[in-house]
Amino acid sequence: MPGSEVRSGTGWLTREPEDRRLSRPPVALVVCQVRHETEYAASDAARALKVRSALDWPTELSESLVQGFNLAVGQFTGVSASQAPSVRGWQLKTPDGAWTVSLQPDHFAIETTQYSGWGDFRNRLSQLAAAVGENIAPALEHRVGLRYVNQITHPDVKRPVDWHQYISPELFQKTLYEGLGDGFKAAMQVIESAPAPDHSMIIRHGLQLDNSGRLTYVLDNDSSRQGSRPFDVRSILESVDLLHLNELRAFEMGTTSALRDYCT
């Protein structure tokens, strides 16, 4: 389906969210990434170990290598491996694999597949940002991004059109899904908006079948603040708090109270 664009100042990005704590949140993945200027100190093993020791949860350290590529555009387009050496980074994973920290020369990130609430996620991010600031010491922050991928299921959903009870009419196109037969595989849409200067929100949403054949609704909200400024942990957390507010607004805009009641 074609994407659409929402202008800055759209009402649903200014509402005060309920922010109810959900006992069964449909969150499959949460990622926060902070991009900064290229700082090769992030490749140093000793610094990676210092970052790991600054975190108050156990992780296992592993090395990651990223090979650059050259792209030639002309009469013939070709891609070849760069002659430059591979860039070394690091991954820190919890023993159960639920949490992953990535340290690269131009960014750091934290993600989880077992989201238990914003307080825990923000606390871990705060520790990571402070450790990066102290041990890798980037001078500039270029971009902060926060992404929530919701994979929503409900026992009462048997056909695509059944989602109209749980996905808001602002997103759900009931007349389209009423005509889908047994051959349905997936339908996705993209909405892009600018909720504030230097901020963006991209919402990818729609229906798909999961690996077990269940009809799943995906609500993938990706928000960011862009623009270079001095690297400062407090400013990063302030940006992330605002991005989280927009994530809440987007989730509540995209779902109905019936779904949120089911998840509570």
Protein backbone atom coordinates (compact mmCIF):
# COMPACT_ATOMS: atom_id res chain seq x y z
CA MET A 1 0.00 0.00 0.00
CA PRO A 2 1.36 3.52 -0.67
CA GLY A 3 2.83 5.50 2.19
CA SER A 4 1.30 8.72 3.41
CA GLU A 5 2.60 11.82 5.12
CA VAL A 6 1.29 13.58 8.23
CA ARG A 7 2.13 17.24 8.71
CA SER A 8 3.92 18.60 11.75
CA GLY A 9 1.59 19.41 14.63
CA THR A 10 -0.85 16.58 13.90
CA GLY A 11 -3.27 16.20 16.82
CA TRP A 12 -2.42 12.65 17.81
CA LEU A 13 1.22 13.64 18.42
CA THR A 14 0.18 16.32 20.91
CA ARG A 15 -2.24 14.33 23.06
CA GLU A 16 -1.35 13.50 26.64
CA PRO A 17 -0.96 9.70 26.73
CA GLU A 18 -2.49 7.52 29.41
CA ASP A 19 0.76 5.55 29.85
CA ARG A 20 -0.98 2.61 31.50
CA ARG A 21 1.35 -0.12 32.70
CA LEU A 22 0.56 -3.21 30.64
CA SER A 23 1.03 -6.63 32.20
CA ARG A 24 1.14 -8.18 28.73
CA PRO A 25 2.84 -5.56 26.54
CA PRO A 26 2.95 -6.60 22.87
CA VAL A 27 6.51 -5.27 22.53
CA ALA A 28 8.79 -7.59 20.55
CA LEU A 29 11.81 -5.29 20.37
CA VAL A 30 12.97 -1.95 21.77
CA VAL A 31 16.11 -0.25 20.44
CA CYS A 32 17.81 3.04 21.28
CA GLN A 33 20.76 4.18 19.17
CA VAL A 34 22.95 7.26 19.65
CA ARG A 35 25.09 8.30 16.69
CA HIS A 36 28.19 10.42 17.27
CA GLU A 37 31.28 11.44 15.32
CA THR A 38 33.64 8.64 14.36
CA GLU A 39 35.77 7.87 17.40
CA TYR A 40 38.10 4.93 16.93
CA ALA A 41 38.66 4.67 20.66
CA ALA A 42 35.49 2.55 20.58
CA SER A 43 37.50 -0.18 18.84
CA ASP A 44 39.90 -0.51 21.77
CA ALA A 45 39.32 -3.68 23.80
CA ALA A 46 40.42 -2.10 27.08
CA ARG A 47 37.85 0.68 26.70
CA ALA A 48 35.12 -1.82 25.83
CA LEU A 49 35.97 -3.72 29.02
CA LYS A 50 35.67 -0.50 31.02
CA VAL A 51 32.23 0.15 29.53
CA ARG A 52 31.19 -3.37 30.44
CA SER A 53 32.39 -2.98 34.05
CA ALA A 54 30.39 0.25 34.37
CA LEU A 55 27.11 -1.58 33.69
CA ASP A 56 25.39 -3.16 36.68
CA TRP A 57 24.11 -6.19 34.76
CA PRO A 58 26.21 -9.15 33.55
CA THR A 59 27.26 -9.26 29.90
CA GLU A 60 29.49 -11.33 27.67
CA LEU A 61 31.88 -9.40 25.40
CA SER A 62 32.38 -10.36 21.75
CA GLU A 63 34.17 -8.67 18.86
CA SER A 64 32.42 -7.57 15.68
CA LEU A 65 34.12 -6.59 12.42
CA VAL A 66 32.49 -4.41 9.77
CA GLN A 67 34.01 -4.39 6.28
CA GLY A 68 33.55 -1.24 4.20
CA PHE A 69 32.37 -1.32 0.58
CA ASN A 70 33.11 0.78 -2.50
CA LEU A 71 30.20 1.64 -4.78
CA ALA A 72 31.05 2.55 -8.37
CA VAL A 73 28.29 4.28 -10.35
CA GLY A 74 28.62 4.86 -14.09
CA GLN A 75 27.91 2.91 -17.24
CA PHE A 76 28.20 -0.17 -15.07
CA THR A 77 27.37 -0.19 -11.37
CA GLY A 78 29.46 -2.40 -9.15
CA VAL A 79 30.11 -3.07 -5.50
CA SER A 80 33.47 -4.19 -4.18
CA ALA A 81 35.10 -4.62 -0.80
CA SER A 82 36.94 -1.55 0.45
CA GLN A 83 40.73 -1.61 0.61
CA ALA A 84 40.50 -0.04 4.05
CA PRO A 85 40.84 -2.42 6.99
CA SER A 86 37.72 -3.73 8.72
CA VAL A 87 36.35 -1.57 11.51
CA ARG A 88 36.29 -3.27 14.87
CA GLY A 89 33.43 -2.89 17.32
CA TRP A 90 32.02 -4.80 20.25
CA GLN A 91 28.83 -6.49 21.41
CA LEU A 92 27.84 -6.99 25.03
CA LYS A 93 25.10 -9.57 25.51
CA THR A 94 23.40 -10.80 28.65
CA PRO A 95 23.78 -14.58 29.15
CA ASP A 96 20.12 -15.14 28.22
CA GLY A 97 20.44 -13.01 25.07
CA ALA A 98 17.61 -10.68 26.10
CA TRP A 99 19.76 -7.52 26.15
CA THR A 100 22.39 -6.44 23.61
CA VAL A 101 24.72 -3.45 23.71
CA SER A 102 26.60 -2.44 20.57
CA LEU A 103 29.74 -0.28 20.64
CA GLN A 104 30.89 1.01 17.24
CA PRO A 105 33.21 3.89 16.27
CA ASP A 106 30.27 6.04 15.11
CA HIS A 107 27.46 4.96 17.46
CA PHE A 108 26.35 2.96 20.45
CA ALA A 109 23.04 1.19 20.96
CA ILE A 110 21.06 -0.87 23.44
CA GLU A 111 18.21 -3.22 22.60
CA THR A 112 16.03 -5.78 24.33
CA THR A 113 13.60 -8.51 23.35
CA GLN A 114 12.28 -8.77 26.93
CA TYR A 115 10.96 -5.29 27.63
CA SER A 116 9.71 -4.93 31.20
CA GLY A 117 8.99 -1.20 31.28
CA TRP A 118 10.44 2.20 30.49
CA GLY A 119 12.09 2.69 33.89
CA ASP A 120 14.36 -0.33 33.53
CA PHE A 121 15.21 0.43 29.90
CA ARG A 122 16.00 4.10 30.61
CA ASN A 123 18.16 3.19 33.60
CA ARG A 124 20.29 0.83 31.49
CA LEU A 125 20.56 3.40 28.72
CA SER A 126 21.66 6.03 31.25
CA GLN A 127 24.43 3.75 32.52
CA LEU A 128 25.57 2.98 28.98
CA ALA A 129 25.60 6.62 27.83
CA ALA A 130 27.59 7.67 30.91
CA ALA A 131 30.09 4.83 30.37
CA VAL A 132 30.54 5.76 26.70
CA GLY A 133 30.98 9.42 27.60
CA GLU A 134 33.67 8.62 30.16
CA ASN A 135 35.60 5.88 28.35
CA ILE A 136 35.15 6.62 24.62
CA ALA A 137 34.55 10.37 24.99
CA PRO A 138 32.84 11.41 21.75
CA ALA A 139 32.61 15.18 21.33
CA LEU A 140 29.42 15.38 19.26
CA GLU A 141 26.05 13.68 19.25
CA HIS A 142 24.47 13.57 15.77
CA ARG A 143 21.27 11.58 16.23
CA VAL A 144 19.23 9.86 18.95
CA GLY A 145 16.71 7.23 17.86
CA LEU A 146 14.17 5.16 19.78
CA ARG A 147 12.20 2.33 18.18
CA TYR A 148 9.41 0.14 19.51
CA VAL A 149 8.33 -2.88 17.46
CA ASN A 150 4.95 -4.19 18.65
CA GLN A 151 3.75 -7.58 17.41
CA ILE A 152 0.13 -7.76 18.46
CA THR A 153 -1.94 -10.94 18.66
CA HIS A 154 -5.43 -11.53 20.02
CA PRO A 155 -7.35 -14.81 20.43
CA ASP A 156 -10.51 -13.34 18.90
CA VAL A 157 -8.80 -12.40 15.61
CA LYS A 158 -9.49 -15.04 12.96
CA ARG A 159 -9.70 -12.89 9.80
CA PRO A 160 -7.93 -9.68 8.77
CA VAL A 161 -11.10 -7.62 9.25
CA ASP A 162 -11.35 -8.74 12.90
CA TRP A 163 -8.54 -6.31 13.78
CA HIS A 164 -10.95 -3.38 13.46
CA GLN A 165 -11.87 -3.93 17.14
CA TYR A 166 -8.29 -3.48 18.29
CA ILE A 167 -6.54 -1.17 15.82
CA SER A 168 -7.74 2.42 15.67
CA PRO A 169 -9.76 3.64 12.68
CA GLU A 170 -7.02 6.23 12.04
CA LEU A 171 -4.83 3.33 10.90
CA PHE A 172 -7.09 0.37 10.13
CA GLN A 173 -8.64 0.34 6.66
CA LYS A 174 -11.64 -1.86 7.29
CA THR A 175 -13.10 -1.70 3.79
CA LEU A 176 -9.81 -2.92 2.33
CA TYR A 177 -9.42 -5.87 4.69
CA GLU A 178 -13.06 -6.96 4.29
CA GLY A 179 -12.24 -8.08 0.77
CA LEU A 180 -9.15 -10.13 1.57
CA GLY A 181 -9.54 -13.87 1.12
CA ASP A 182 -7.59 -16.92 2.19
CA GLY A 183 -4.65 -15.99 -0.01
CA PHE A 184 -3.74 -13.03 2.19
CA LYS A 185 -0.06 -12.86 3.22
CA ALA A 186 0.74 -9.32 4.36
CA ALA A 187 -0.22 -5.65 4.00
CA MET A 188 1.93 -2.83 5.35
CA GLN A 189 1.76 0.97 5.30
CA VAL A 190 4.25 3.70 6.22
CA ILE A 191 3.39 7.05 7.80
CA GLU A 192 6.03 9.74 8.30
CA SER A 193 5.58 12.90 10.38
CA ALA A 194 7.60 15.68 12.00
CA PRO A 195 6.18 16.14 15.53
CA ALA A 196 8.69 18.92 16.37
CA PRO A 197 11.66 20.69 14.77
CA ASP A 198 14.58 18.27 14.25
CA HIS A 199 12.31 15.32 15.21
CA SER A 200 10.79 12.64 13.02
CA MET A 201 8.38 9.78 13.55
CA ILE A 202 8.05 6.87 11.13
CA ILE A 203 5.20 4.41 11.75
CA ARG A 204 5.20 1.12 9.88
CA HIS A 205 2.03 -0.83 10.48
CA GLY A 206 -0.06 -3.59 9.02
CA LEU A 207 -0.93 -7.27 8.98
CA GLN A 208 1.27 -10.28 8.52
CA LEU A 209 1.34 -13.98 9.34
CA ASP A 210 3.90 -15.05 11.92
CA ASN A 211 5.95 -18.25 11.76
CA SER A 212 3.12 -20.24 13.32
CA GLY A 213 0.53 -18.90 10.87
CA ARG A 214 -1.17 -16.55 13.35
CA LEU A 215 -2.56 -13.28 12.09
CA THR A 216 -0.37 -10.60 13.65
CA TYR A 217 -0.65 -6.82 13.60
CA VAL A 218 2.71 -5.04 13.51
CA LEU A 219 2.94 -1.51 14.90
CA ASP A 220 6.54 -0.39 14.42
CA ASN A 221 7.15 3.13 15.77
CA ASP A 222 10.56 4.69 15.03
CA SER A 223 11.22 8.18 16.41
CA SER A 224 14.39 10.26 16.32
CA ARG A 225 16.01 13.62 17.04
CA GLN A 226 18.59 14.73 14.49
CA GLY A 227 21.18 17.48 14.37
CA SER A 228 24.70 17.76 15.77
CA ARG A 229 25.33 19.14 19.24
CA PRO A 230 27.85 18.56 22.06
CA PHE A 231 27.79 15.07 23.51
CA ASP A 232 26.09 15.33 26.88
CA VAL A 233 24.46 12.48 28.76
CA ARG A 234 21.77 14.69 30.31
CA SER A 235 20.77 16.09 26.92
CA ILE A 236 20.66 12.60 25.42
CA LEU A 237 18.31 11.41 28.16
CA GLU A 238 16.11 14.49 27.77
CA SER A 239 15.82 13.71 24.05
CA VAL A 240 15.03 10.07 24.75
CA ASP A 241 12.32 11.03 27.24
CA LEU A 242 10.63 13.15 24.58
CA LEU A 243 10.97 10.38 22.01
CA HIS A 244 9.41 7.96 24.49
CA LEU A 245 6.48 10.35 24.95
CA ASN A 246 5.93 10.35 21.19
CA GLU A 247 6.18 6.56 21.16
CA LEU A 248 3.40 6.38 23.76
CA ARG A 249 1.26 8.77 21.74
CA ALA A 250 1.78 6.74 18.58
CA PHE A 251 0.92 3.45 20.32
CA GLU A 252 -2.25 4.85 21.88
CA MET A 253 -3.22 6.52 18.61
CA GLY A 254 -2.77 3.24 16.76
CA THR A 255 -4.71 0.98 19.14
CA THR A 256 -8.15 0.92 20.72
CA SER A 257 -9.02 0.87 24.41
CA ALA A 258 -10.26 -2.71 23.90
CA LEU A 259 -6.75 -3.83 22.99
CA ARG A 260 -5.13 -1.89 25.82
CA ASP A 261 -7.66 -3.38 28.25
CA TYR A 262 -6.71 -6.85 26.98
CA CYS A 263 -2.99 -6.11 27.53
CA THR A 264 -3.45 -4.61 31.00
